[in-house]
Amino acid sequence: MISLPFSQDIPEEVAMLFWDVDLAALDLENHKIFIVERVLNMGDEVALKWLRQKYGLKIIYYTVTTSNKLTLKTARCWQNYFNLKEEQMRCFSTFSASLDHVY
């Protein structure tokens, strides 16, 4: 675990997804949508397990339906998981074909 300010901890397996971010400035509450987007787009099973434990399916669902920063591959995965229609997901009108434009 990497210790963050205010007793916020993030596993190293997840922290590596934020290689371009100052982890000391990353607030797990104030930046939760950014964190969820990043983990959904780039995380593995370990990161997804942490994400679900940390934020729960309600925040993941909210992010999946409101984010415009999910890749098409990620969007389709979570569309199936939550049994959503394209119209229920903002990203289908503005999805990014590559991660270069996401962050």
PDB file of N, CA and C in Angstrom:
ATOM      1  N   MET A   1       0.835  -1.184   0.000  1.00  0.00           N
ATOM      2  CA  MET A   1       0.000   0.000   0.000  1.00  0.00           C
ATOM      3  C   MET A   1       0.881   1.249   0.000  1.00  0.00           C
ATOM      4  N   ILE A   2       0.426   2.223  -0.733  1.00  0.00           N
ATOM      5  CA  ILE A   2       1.077   3.518  -0.742  1.00  0.00           C
ATOM      6  C   ILE A   2       0.214   4.449   0.099  1.00  0.00           C
ATOM      7  N   SER A   3       0.835   5.096   1.071  1.00  0.00           N
ATOM      8  CA  SER A   3       0.079   5.990   1.939  1.00  0.00           C
ATOM      9  C   SER A   3      -0.124   7.330   1.264  1.00  0.00           C
ATOM     10  N   LEU A   4      -1.337   7.818   1.315  1.00  0.00           N
ATOM     11  CA  LEU A   4      -1.694   9.111   0.768  1.00  0.00           C
ATOM     12  C   LEU A   4      -2.138  10.010   1.906  1.00  0.00           C
ATOM     13  N   PRO A   5      -2.239  11.305   1.642  1.00  0.00           N
ATOM     14  CA  PRO A   5      -2.703  12.223   2.693  1.00  0.00           C
ATOM     15  C   PRO A   5      -4.064  11.821   3.252  1.00  0.00           C
ATOM     16  N   PHE A   6      -4.330  12.229   4.454  1.00  0.00           N
ATOM     17  CA  PHE A   6      -5.609  11.998   5.112  1.00  0.00           C
ATOM     18  C   PHE A   6      -5.903  10.512   5.286  1.00  0.00           C
ATOM     19  N   SER A   7      -4.887   9.700   5.478  1.00  0.00           N
ATOM     20  CA  SER A   7      -5.026   8.261   5.731  1.00  0.00           C
ATOM     21  C   SER A   7      -5.690   7.517   4.576  1.00  0.00           C
ATOM     22  N   GLN A   8      -5.519   8.004   3.368  1.00  0.00           N
ATOM     23  CA  GLN A   8      -6.063   7.327   2.202  1.00  0.00           C
ATOM     24  C   GLN A   8      -4.987   6.398   1.663  1.00  0.00           C
ATOM     25  N   ASP A   9      -5.337   5.156   1.479  1.00  0.00           N
ATOM     26  CA  ASP A   9      -4.383   4.186   0.978  1.00  0.00           C
ATOM     27  C   ASP A   9      -4.846   3.636  -0.355  1.00  0.00           C
ATOM     28  N   ILE A  10      -3.876   3.401  -1.211  1.00  0.00           N
ATOM     29  CA  ILE A  10      -4.153   2.849  -2.517  1.00  0.00           C
ATOM     30  C   ILE A  10      -3.121   1.754  -2.780  1.00  0.00           C
ATOM     31  N   PRO A  11      -3.560   0.580  -3.185  1.00  0.00           N
ATOM     32  CA  PRO A  11      -2.604  -0.517  -3.419  1.00  0.00           C
ATOM     33  C   PRO A  11      -1.641  -0.154  -4.551  1.00  0.00           C
ATOM     34  N   GLU A  12      -0.440  -0.663  -4.474  1.00  0.00           N
ATOM     35  CA  GLU A  12       0.562  -0.385  -5.498  1.00  0.00           C
ATOM     36  C   GLU A  12       0.085  -0.806  -6.881  1.00  0.00           C
ATOM     37  N   GLU A  13      -0.666  -1.904  -6.956  1.00  0.00           N
ATOM     38  CA  GLU A  13      -1.170  -2.389  -8.237  1.00  0.00           C
ATOM     39  C   GLU A  13      -2.107  -1.374  -8.886  1.00  0.00           C
ATOM     40  N   VAL A  14      -2.784  -0.598  -8.065  1.00  0.00           N
ATOM     41  CA  VAL A  14      -3.690   0.432  -8.563  1.00  0.00           C
ATOM     42  C   VAL A  14      -2.921   1.735  -8.767  1.00  0.00           C
ATOM     43  N   ALA A  15      -2.016   2.048  -7.868  1.00  0.00           N
ATOM     44  CA  ALA A  15      -1.244   3.294  -7.946  1.00  0.00           C
ATOM     45  C   ALA A  15      -0.470   3.395  -9.256  1.00  0.00           C
ATOM     46  N   MET A  16      -0.018   2.276  -9.783  1.00  0.00           N
ATOM     47  CA  MET A  16       0.761   2.316 -11.020  1.00  0.00           C
ATOM     48  C   MET A  16      -0.069   2.804 -12.210  1.00  0.00           C
ATOM     49  N   LEU A  17      -1.388   2.743 -12.112  1.00  0.00           N
ATOM     50  CA  LEU A  17      -2.256   3.261 -13.164  1.00  0.00           C
ATOM     51  C   LEU A  17      -2.223   4.783 -13.217  1.00  0.00           C
ATOM     52  N   PHE A  18      -1.742   5.390 -12.148  1.00  0.00           N
ATOM     53  CA  PHE A  18      -1.694   6.842 -12.030  1.00  0.00           C
ATOM     54  C   PHE A  18      -0.257   7.348 -12.106  1.00  0.00           C
ATOM     55  N   TRP A  19       0.488   6.766 -13.023  1.00  0.00           N
ATOM     56  CA  TRP A  19       1.906   7.081 -13.201  1.00  0.00           C
ATOM     57  C   TRP A  19       2.119   8.552 -13.544  1.00  0.00           C
ATOM     58  N   ASP A  20       1.129   9.204 -14.114  1.00  0.00           N
ATOM     59  CA  ASP A  20       1.255  10.588 -14.549  1.00  0.00           C
ATOM     60  C   ASP A  20       0.660  11.587 -13.558  1.00  0.00           C
ATOM     61  N   VAL A  21       0.287  11.098 -12.384  1.00  0.00           N
ATOM     62  CA  VAL A  21      -0.403  11.913 -11.392  1.00  0.00           C
ATOM     63  C   VAL A  21       0.427  11.990 -10.125  1.00  0.00           C
ATOM     64  N   ASP A  22       0.433  13.145  -9.493  1.00  0.00           N
ATOM     65  CA  ASP A  22       1.070  13.300  -8.189  1.00  0.00           C
ATOM     66  C   ASP A  22       0.159  12.633  -7.160  1.00  0.00           C
ATOM     67  N   LEU A  23       0.553  11.464  -6.696  1.00  0.00           N
ATOM     68  CA  LEU A  23      -0.301  10.707  -5.778  1.00  0.00           C
ATOM     69  C   LEU A  23      -0.577  11.456  -4.477  1.00  0.00           C
ATOM     70  N   ALA A  24       0.343  12.310  -4.075  1.00  0.00           N
ATOM     71  CA  ALA A  24       0.134  13.081  -2.850  1.00  0.00           C
ATOM     72  C   ALA A  24      -1.028  14.070  -3.025  1.00  0.00           C
ATOM     73  N   ALA A  25      -1.294  14.468  -4.260  1.00  0.00           N
ATOM     74  CA  ALA A  25      -2.381  15.409  -4.528  1.00  0.00           C
ATOM     75  C   ALA A  25      -3.689  14.708  -4.896  1.00  0.00           C
ATOM     76  N   LEU A  26      -3.641  13.398  -5.080  1.00  0.00           N
ATOM     77  CA  LEU A  26      -4.829  12.636  -5.466  1.00  0.00           C
ATOM     78  C   LEU A  26      -5.699  12.383  -4.238  1.00  0.00           C
ATOM     79  N   ASP A  27      -6.877  12.934  -4.254  1.00  0.00           N
ATOM     80  CA  ASP A  27      -7.818  12.772  -3.148  1.00  0.00           C
ATOM     81  C   ASP A  27      -8.857  11.730  -3.551  1.00  0.00           C
ATOM     82  N   LEU A  28      -8.936  10.642  -2.814  1.00  0.00           N
ATOM     83  CA  LEU A  28      -9.798   9.520  -3.186  1.00  0.00           C
ATOM     84  C   LEU A  28     -11.282   9.873  -3.175  1.00  0.00           C
ATOM     85  N   GLU A  29     -11.665  10.897  -2.475  1.00  0.00           N
ATOM     86  CA  GLU A  29     -13.067  11.320  -2.475  1.00  0.00           C
ATOM     87  C   GLU A  29     -13.322  12.381  -3.549  1.00  0.00           C
ATOM     88  N   ASN A  30     -12.532  13.427  -3.544  1.00  0.00           N
ATOM     89  CA  ASN A  30     -12.755  14.522  -4.492  1.00  0.00           C
ATOM     90  C   ASN A  30     -12.459  14.143  -5.937  1.00  0.00           C
ATOM     91  N   HIS A  31     -11.610  13.162  -6.156  1.00  0.00           N
ATOM     92  CA  HIS A  31     -11.229  12.750  -7.510  1.00  0.00           C
ATOM     93  C   HIS A  31     -11.772  11.364  -7.868  1.00  0.00           C
ATOM     94  N   LYS A  32     -12.836  10.952  -7.207  1.00  0.00           N
ATOM     95  CA  LYS A  32     -13.306   9.578  -7.383  1.00  0.00           C
ATOM     96  C   LYS A  32     -13.763   9.269  -8.805  1.00  0.00           C
ATOM     97  N   ILE A  33     -14.371  10.198  -9.506  1.00  0.00           N
ATOM     98  CA  ILE A  33     -14.815   9.924 -10.877  1.00  0.00           C
ATOM     99  C   ILE A  33     -13.591   9.717 -11.776  1.00  0.00           C
ATOM    100  N   PHE A  34     -12.596  10.563 -11.636  1.00  0.00           N
ATOM    101  CA  PHE A  34     -11.348  10.401 -12.384  1.00  0.00           C
ATOM    102  C   PHE A  34     -10.713   9.041 -12.088  1.00  0.00           C
ATOM    103  N   ILE A  35     -10.680   8.665 -10.821  1.00  0.00           N
ATOM    104  CA  ILE A  35     -10.093   7.387 -10.410  1.00  0.00           C
ATOM    105  C   ILE A  35     -10.880   6.224 -11.007  1.00  0.00           C
ATOM    106  N   VAL A  36     -12.185   6.289 -10.933  1.00  0.00           N
ATOM    107  CA  VAL A  36     -13.023   5.211 -11.481  1.00  0.00           C
ATOM    108  C   VAL A  36     -12.809   5.104 -12.992  1.00  0.00           C
ATOM    109  N   GLU A  37     -12.811   6.221 -13.691  1.00  0.00           N
ATOM    110  CA  GLU A  37     -12.582   6.194 -15.142  1.00  0.00           C
ATOM    111  C   GLU A  37     -11.248   5.537 -15.475  1.00  0.00           C
ATOM    112  N   ARG A  38     -10.211   5.929 -14.766  1.00  0.00           N
ATOM    113  CA  ARG A  38      -8.877   5.400 -15.044  1.00  0.00           C
ATOM    114  C   ARG A  38      -8.817   3.903 -14.791  1.00  0.00           C
ATOM    115  N   VAL A  39      -9.365   3.464 -13.679  1.00  0.00           N
ATOM    116  CA  VAL A  39      -9.322   2.033 -13.357  1.00  0.00           C
ATOM    117  C   VAL A  39     -10.182   1.235 -14.336  1.00  0.00           C
ATOM    118  N   LEU A  40     -11.343   1.732 -14.695  1.00  0.00           N
ATOM    119  CA  LEU A  40     -12.175   1.017 -15.656  1.00  0.00           C
ATOM    120  C   LEU A  40     -11.472   0.886 -16.999  1.00  0.00           C
ATOM    121  N   ASN A  41     -10.804   1.936 -17.453  1.00  0.00           N
ATOM    122  CA  ASN A  41     -10.129   1.915 -18.744  1.00  0.00           C
ATOM    123  C   ASN A  41      -8.831   1.113 -18.740  1.00  0.00           C
ATOM    124  N   MET A  42      -8.099   1.146 -17.648  1.00  0.00           N
ATOM    125  CA  MET A  42      -6.747   0.597 -17.672  1.00  0.00           C
ATOM    126  C   MET A  42      -6.458  -0.479 -16.638  1.00  0.00           C
ATOM    127  N   GLY A  43      -7.377  -0.700 -15.719  1.00  0.00           N
ATOM    128  CA  GLY A  43      -7.110  -1.609 -14.612  1.00  0.00           C
ATOM    129  C   GLY A  43      -7.293  -3.077 -14.956  1.00  0.00           C
ATOM    130  N   ASP A  44      -6.693  -3.911 -14.133  1.00  0.00           N
ATOM    131  CA  ASP A  44      -6.854  -5.358 -14.259  1.00  0.00           C
ATOM    132  C   ASP A  44      -7.831  -5.839 -13.192  1.00  0.00           C
ATOM    133  N   GLU A  45      -7.915  -7.151 -13.018  1.00  0.00           N
ATOM    134  CA  GLU A  45      -8.869  -7.705 -12.046  1.00  0.00           C
ATOM    135  C   GLU A  45      -8.586  -7.234 -10.627  1.00  0.00           C
ATOM    136  N   VAL A  46      -7.323  -7.116 -10.254  1.00  0.00           N
ATOM    137  CA  VAL A  46      -6.963  -6.654  -8.909  1.00  0.00           C
ATOM    138  C   VAL A  46      -7.445  -5.219  -8.710  1.00  0.00           C
ATOM    139  N   ALA A  47      -7.213  -4.375  -9.704  1.00  0.00           N
ATOM    140  CA  ALA A  47      -7.633  -2.971  -9.611  1.00  0.00           C
ATOM    141  C   ALA A  47      -9.156  -2.853  -9.575  1.00  0.00           C
ATOM    142  N   LEU A  48      -9.832  -3.661 -10.373  1.00  0.00           N
ATOM    143  CA  LEU A  48     -11.300  -3.620 -10.377  1.00  0.00           C
ATOM    144  C   LEU A  48     -11.884  -4.094  -9.049  1.00  0.00           C
ATOM    145  N   LYS A  49     -11.258  -5.084  -8.451  1.00  0.00           N
ATOM    146  CA  LYS A  49     -11.719  -5.560  -7.139  1.00  0.00           C
ATOM    147  C   LYS A  49     -11.566  -4.447  -6.098  1.00  0.00           C
ATOM    148  N   TRP A  50     -10.420  -3.775  -6.108  1.00  0.00           N
ATOM    149  CA  TRP A  50     -10.202  -2.661  -5.185  1.00  0.00           C
ATOM    150  C   TRP A  50     -11.231  -1.559  -5.431  1.00  0.00           C
ATOM    151  N   LEU A  51     -11.459  -1.249  -6.706  1.00  0.00           N
ATOM    152  CA  LEU A  51     -12.400  -0.196  -7.066  1.00  0.00           C
ATOM    153  C   LEU A  51     -13.799  -0.488  -6.523  1.00  0.00           C
ATOM    154  N   ARG A  52     -14.231  -1.712  -6.700  1.00  0.00           N
ATOM    155  CA  ARG A  52     -15.566  -2.099  -6.217  1.00  0.00           C
ATOM    156  C   ARG A  52     -15.658  -2.030  -4.698  1.00  0.00           C
ATOM    157  N   GLN A  53     -14.591  -2.460  -4.026  1.00  0.00           N
ATOM    158  CA  GLN A  53     -14.578  -2.405  -2.556  1.00  0.00           C
ATOM    159  C   GLN A  53     -14.529  -0.957  -2.066  1.00  0.00           C
ATOM    160  N   LYS A  54     -13.768  -0.134  -2.755  1.00  0.00           N
ATOM    161  CA  LYS A  54     -13.583   1.262  -2.320  1.00  0.00           C
ATOM    162  C   LYS A  54     -14.814   2.119  -2.593  1.00  0.00           C
ATOM    163  N   TYR A  55     -15.386   2.000  -3.790  1.00  0.00           N
ATOM    164  CA  TYR A  55     -16.466   2.906  -4.193  1.00  0.00           C
ATOM    165  C   TYR A  55     -17.832   2.247  -4.338  1.00  0.00           C
ATOM    166  N   GLY A  56     -17.882   0.959  -4.562  1.00  0.00           N
ATOM    167  CA  GLY A  56     -19.149   0.265  -4.714  1.00  0.00           C
ATOM    168  C   GLY A  56     -19.711   0.410  -6.122  1.00  0.00           C
ATOM    169  N   LEU A  57     -20.684  -0.428  -6.420  1.00  0.00           N
ATOM    170  CA  LEU A  57     -21.271  -0.458  -7.761  1.00  0.00           C
ATOM    171  C   LEU A  57     -22.066   0.805  -8.088  1.00  0.00           C
ATOM    172  N   LYS A  58     -22.582   1.489  -7.086  1.00  0.00           N
ATOM    173  CA  LYS A  58     -23.369   2.699  -7.343  1.00  0.00           C
ATOM    174  C   LYS A  58     -22.507   3.776  -8.008  1.00  0.00           C
ATOM    175  N   ILE A  59     -21.320   4.009  -7.520  1.00  0.00           N
ATOM    176  CA  ILE A  59     -20.413   5.012  -8.092  1.00  0.00           C
ATOM    177  C   ILE A  59     -19.892   4.536  -9.445  1.00  0.00           C
ATOM    178  N   ILE A  60     -19.608   3.245  -9.568  1.00  0.00           N
ATOM    179  CA  ILE A  60     -19.168   2.705 -10.858  1.00  0.00           C
ATOM    180  C   ILE A  60     -20.275   2.886 -11.889  1.00  0.00           C
ATOM    181  N   TYR A  61     -21.498   2.554 -11.537  1.00  0.00           N
ATOM    182  CA  TYR A  61     -22.644   2.715 -12.430  1.00  0.00           C
ATOM    183  C   TYR A  61     -22.803   4.185 -12.838  1.00  0.00           C
ATOM    184  N   TYR A  62     -22.732   5.069 -11.869  1.00  0.00           N
ATOM    185  CA  TYR A  62     -22.847   6.503 -12.153  1.00  0.00           C
ATOM    186  C   TYR A  62     -21.778   6.940 -13.155  1.00  0.00           C
ATOM    187  N   THR A  63     -20.560   6.500 -12.940  1.00  0.00           N
ATOM    188  CA  THR A  63     -19.462   6.865 -13.832  1.00  0.00           C
ATOM    189  C   THR A  63     -19.669   6.292 -15.228  1.00  0.00           C
ATOM    190  N   VAL A  64     -20.075   5.035 -15.301  1.00  0.00           N
ATOM    191  CA  VAL A  64     -20.311   4.390 -16.597  1.00  0.00           C
ATOM    192  C   VAL A  64     -21.396   5.120 -17.382  1.00  0.00           C
ATOM    193  N   THR A  65     -22.409   5.600 -16.723  1.00  0.00           N
ATOM    194  CA  THR A  65     -23.520   6.246 -17.431  1.00  0.00           C
ATOM    195  C   THR A  65     -23.276   7.719 -17.735  1.00  0.00           C
ATOM    196  N   THR A  66     -22.373   8.378 -17.008  1.00  0.00           N
ATOM    197  CA  THR A  66     -22.184   9.820 -17.196  1.00  0.00           C
ATOM    198  C   THR A  66     -20.848  10.216 -17.813  1.00  0.00           C
ATOM    199  N   SER A  67     -19.881   9.345 -17.813  1.00  0.00           N
ATOM    200  CA  SER A  67     -18.547   9.702 -18.294  1.00  0.00           C
ATOM    201  C   SER A  67     -18.488   9.763 -19.814  1.00  0.00           C
ATOM    202  N   ASN A  68     -17.692  10.690 -20.312  1.00  0.00           N
ATOM    203  CA  ASN A  68     -17.396  10.721 -21.736  1.00  0.00           C
ATOM    204  C   ASN A  68     -15.930  10.354 -21.977  1.00  0.00           C
ATOM    205  N   LYS A  69     -15.292   9.776 -20.958  1.00  0.00           N
ATOM    206  CA  LYS A  69     -13.877   9.432 -21.039  1.00  0.00           C
ATOM    207  C   LYS A  69     -13.616   7.934 -21.020  1.00  0.00           C
ATOM    208  N   LEU A  70     -14.619   7.142 -21.314  1.00  0.00           N
ATOM    209  CA  LEU A  70     -14.429   5.700 -21.397  1.00  0.00           C
ATOM    210  C   LEU A  70     -14.129   5.315 -22.840  1.00  0.00           C
ATOM    211  N   THR A  71     -13.234   4.368 -23.020  1.00  0.00           N
ATOM    212  CA  THR A  71     -12.978   3.871 -24.361  1.00  0.00           C
ATOM    213  C   THR A  71     -14.177   3.038 -24.805  1.00  0.00           C
ATOM    214  N   LEU A  72     -14.277   2.815 -26.090  1.00  0.00           N
ATOM    215  CA  LEU A  72     -15.386   2.009 -26.610  1.00  0.00           C
ATOM    216  C   LEU A  72     -15.354   0.601 -26.015  1.00  0.00           C
ATOM    217  N   LYS A  73     -14.177   0.024 -25.925  1.00  0.00           N
ATOM    218  CA  LYS A  73     -14.032  -1.321 -25.353  1.00  0.00           C
ATOM    219  C   LYS A  73     -14.519  -1.353 -23.902  1.00  0.00           C
ATOM    220  N   THR A  74     -14.120  -0.380 -23.125  1.00  0.00           N
ATOM    221  CA  THR A  74     -14.554  -0.296 -21.729  1.00  0.00           C
ATOM    222  C   THR A  74     -16.055  -0.071 -21.650  1.00  0.00           C
ATOM    223  N   ALA A  75     -16.555   0.829 -22.462  1.00  0.00           N
ATOM    224  CA  ALA A  75     -17.989   1.126 -22.460  1.00  0.00           C
ATOM    225  C   ALA A  75     -18.805  -0.122 -22.779  1.00  0.00           C
ATOM    226  N   ARG A  76     -18.399  -0.879 -23.788  1.00  0.00           N
ATOM    227  CA  ARG A  76     -19.145  -2.095 -24.152  1.00  0.00           C
ATOM    228  C   ARG A  76     -19.119  -3.123 -23.019  1.00  0.00           C
ATOM    229  N   CYS A  77     -17.997  -3.256 -22.377  1.00  0.00           N
ATOM    230  CA  CYS A  77     -17.885  -4.204 -21.255  1.00  0.00           C
ATOM    231  C   CYS A  77     -18.896  -3.861 -20.156  1.00  0.00           C
ATOM    232  N   TRP A  78     -18.912  -2.593 -19.748  1.00  0.00           N
ATOM    233  CA  TRP A  78     -19.795  -2.193 -18.656  1.00  0.00           C
ATOM    234  C   TRP A  78     -21.238  -2.047 -19.104  1.00  0.00           C
ATOM    235  N   GLN A  79     -21.451  -1.802 -20.373  1.00  0.00           N
ATOM    236  CA  GLN A  79     -22.807  -1.814 -20.914  1.00  0.00           C
ATOM    237  C   GLN A  79     -23.411  -3.199 -20.716  1.00  0.00           C
ATOM    238  N   ASN A  80     -22.640  -4.223 -21.033  1.00  0.00           N
ATOM    239  CA  ASN A  80     -23.101  -5.598 -20.830  1.00  0.00           C
ATOM    240  C   ASN A  80     -23.264  -5.926 -19.357  1.00  0.00           C
ATOM    241  N   TYR A  81     -22.315  -5.512 -18.540  1.00  0.00           N
ATOM    242  CA  TYR A  81     -22.358  -5.818 -17.111  1.00  0.00           C
ATOM    243  C   TYR A  81     -23.630  -5.256 -16.466  1.00  0.00           C
ATOM    244  N   PHE A  82     -23.950  -4.001 -16.779  1.00  0.00           N
ATOM    245  CA  PHE A  82     -25.112  -3.344 -16.179  1.00  0.00           C
ATOM    246  C   PHE A  82     -26.373  -3.459 -17.038  1.00  0.00           C
ATOM    247  N   ASN A  83     -26.278  -4.153 -18.177  1.00  0.00           N
ATOM    248  CA  ASN A  83     -27.418  -4.331 -19.083  1.00  0.00           C
ATOM    249  C   ASN A  83     -28.025  -2.975 -19.481  1.00  0.00           C
ATOM    250  N   LEU A  84     -27.166  -2.088 -19.989  1.00  0.00           N
ATOM    251  CA  LEU A  84     -27.577  -0.738 -20.365  1.00  0.00           C
ATOM    252  C   LEU A  84     -27.765  -0.621 -21.871  1.00  0.00           C
ATOM    253  N   LYS A  85     -28.554   0.341 -22.262  1.00  0.00           N
ATOM    254  CA  LYS A  85     -28.696   0.700 -23.667  1.00  0.00           C
ATOM    255  C   LYS A  85     -27.720   1.833 -23.960  1.00  0.00           C
ATOM    256  N   GLU A  86     -27.324   1.956 -25.213  1.00  0.00           N
ATOM    257  CA  GLU A  86     -26.398   3.024 -25.592  1.00  0.00           C
ATOM    258  C   GLU A  86     -26.913   4.398 -25.172  1.00  0.00           C
ATOM    259  N   GLU A  87     -28.212   4.599 -25.283  1.00  0.00           N
ATOM    260  CA  GLU A  87     -28.807   5.883 -24.939  1.00  0.00           C
ATOM    261  C   GLU A  87     -28.632   6.239 -23.462  1.00  0.00           C
ATOM    262  N   GLN A  88     -28.381   5.239 -22.638  1.00  0.00           N
ATOM    263  CA  GLN A  88     -28.204   5.459 -21.203  1.00  0.00           C
ATOM    264  C   GLN A  88     -26.765   5.820 -20.846  1.00  0.00           C
ATOM    265  N   MET A  89     -25.881   5.800 -21.838  1.00  0.00           N
ATOM    266  CA  MET A  89     -24.461   6.013 -21.580  1.00  0.00           C
ATOM    267  C   MET A  89     -23.944   7.193 -22.403  1.00  0.00           C
ATOM    268  N   ARG A  90     -23.501   8.199 -21.719  1.00  0.00           N
ATOM    269  CA  ARG A  90     -23.015   9.410 -22.381  1.00  0.00           C
ATOM    270  C   ARG A  90     -21.834   9.132 -23.312  1.00  0.00           C
ATOM    271  N   CYS A  91     -20.995   8.193 -22.969  1.00  0.00           N
ATOM    272  CA  CYS A  91     -19.765   7.961 -23.721  1.00  0.00           C
ATOM    273  C   CYS A  91     -20.025   7.496 -25.154  1.00  0.00           C
ATOM    274  N   PHE A  92     -21.164   6.907 -25.442  1.00  0.00           N
ATOM    275  CA  PHE A  92     -21.407   6.434 -26.795  1.00  0.00           C
ATOM    276  C   PHE A  92     -21.587   7.579 -27.788  1.00  0.00           C
ATOM    277  N   SER A  93     -21.893   8.740 -27.301  1.00  0.00           N
ATOM    278  CA  SER A  93     -21.982   9.877 -28.214  1.00  0.00           C
ATOM    279  C   SER A  93     -20.643  10.597 -28.343  1.00  0.00           C
ATOM    280  N   THR A  94     -19.712  10.292 -27.428  1.00  0.00           N
ATOM    281  CA  THR A  94     -18.429  11.007 -27.422  1.00  0.00           C
ATOM    282  C   THR A  94     -17.238  10.125 -27.101  1.00  0.00           C
ATOM    283  N   PHE A  95     -17.341   8.792 -27.307  1.00  0.00           N
ATOM    284  CA  PHE A  95     -16.265   7.910 -26.865  1.00  0.00           C
ATOM    285  C   PHE A  95     -14.947   8.214 -27.549  1.00  0.00           C
ATOM    286  N   SER A  96     -13.855   7.856 -26.862  1.00  0.00           N
ATOM    287  CA  SER A  96     -12.517   8.026 -27.414  1.00  0.00           C
ATOM    288  C   SER A  96     -12.040   6.694 -27.954  1.00  0.00           C
ATOM    289  N   ALA A  97     -11.490   6.714 -29.144  1.00  0.00           N
ATOM    290  CA  ALA A  97     -11.000   5.480 -29.764  1.00  0.00           C
ATOM    291  C   ALA A  97      -9.681   5.036 -29.156  1.00  0.00           C
ATOM    292  N   SER A  98      -8.972   5.939 -28.533  1.00  0.00           N
ATOM    293  CA  SER A  98      -7.700   5.577 -27.923  1.00  0.00           C
ATOM    294  C   SER A  98      -7.558   6.286 -26.589  1.00  0.00           C
ATOM    295  N   LEU A  99      -6.665   5.772 -25.762  1.00  0.00           N
ATOM    296  CA  LEU A  99      -6.440   6.369 -24.453  1.00  0.00           C
ATOM    297  C   LEU A  99      -5.706   7.692 -24.549  1.00  0.00           C
ATOM    298  N   ASP A 100      -5.096   8.000 -25.692  1.00  0.00           N
ATOM    299  CA  ASP A 100      -4.368   9.250 -25.845  1.00  0.00           C
ATOM    300  C   ASP A 100      -5.253  10.469 -25.615  1.00  0.00           C
ATOM    301  N   HIS A 101      -6.526  10.332 -25.932  1.00  0.00           N
ATOM    302  CA  HIS A 101      -7.435  11.461 -25.795  1.00  0.00           C
ATOM    303  C   HIS A 101      -8.239  11.423 -24.504  1.00  0.00           C
ATOM    304  N   VAL A 102      -8.057  10.382 -23.720  1.00  0.00           N
ATOM    305  CA  VAL A 102      -8.837  10.229 -22.493  1.00  0.00           C
ATOM    306  C   VAL A 102      -8.213  11.043 -21.361  1.00  0.00           C
ATOM    307  N   TYR A 103      -6.894  11.016 -21.239  1.00  0.00           N
ATOM    308  CA  TYR A 103      -6.245  11.682 -20.113  1.00  0.00           C
ATOM    309  C   TYR A 103      -5.233  12.675 -20.593  1.00  0.00           C
TER     310      TYR A 103
END
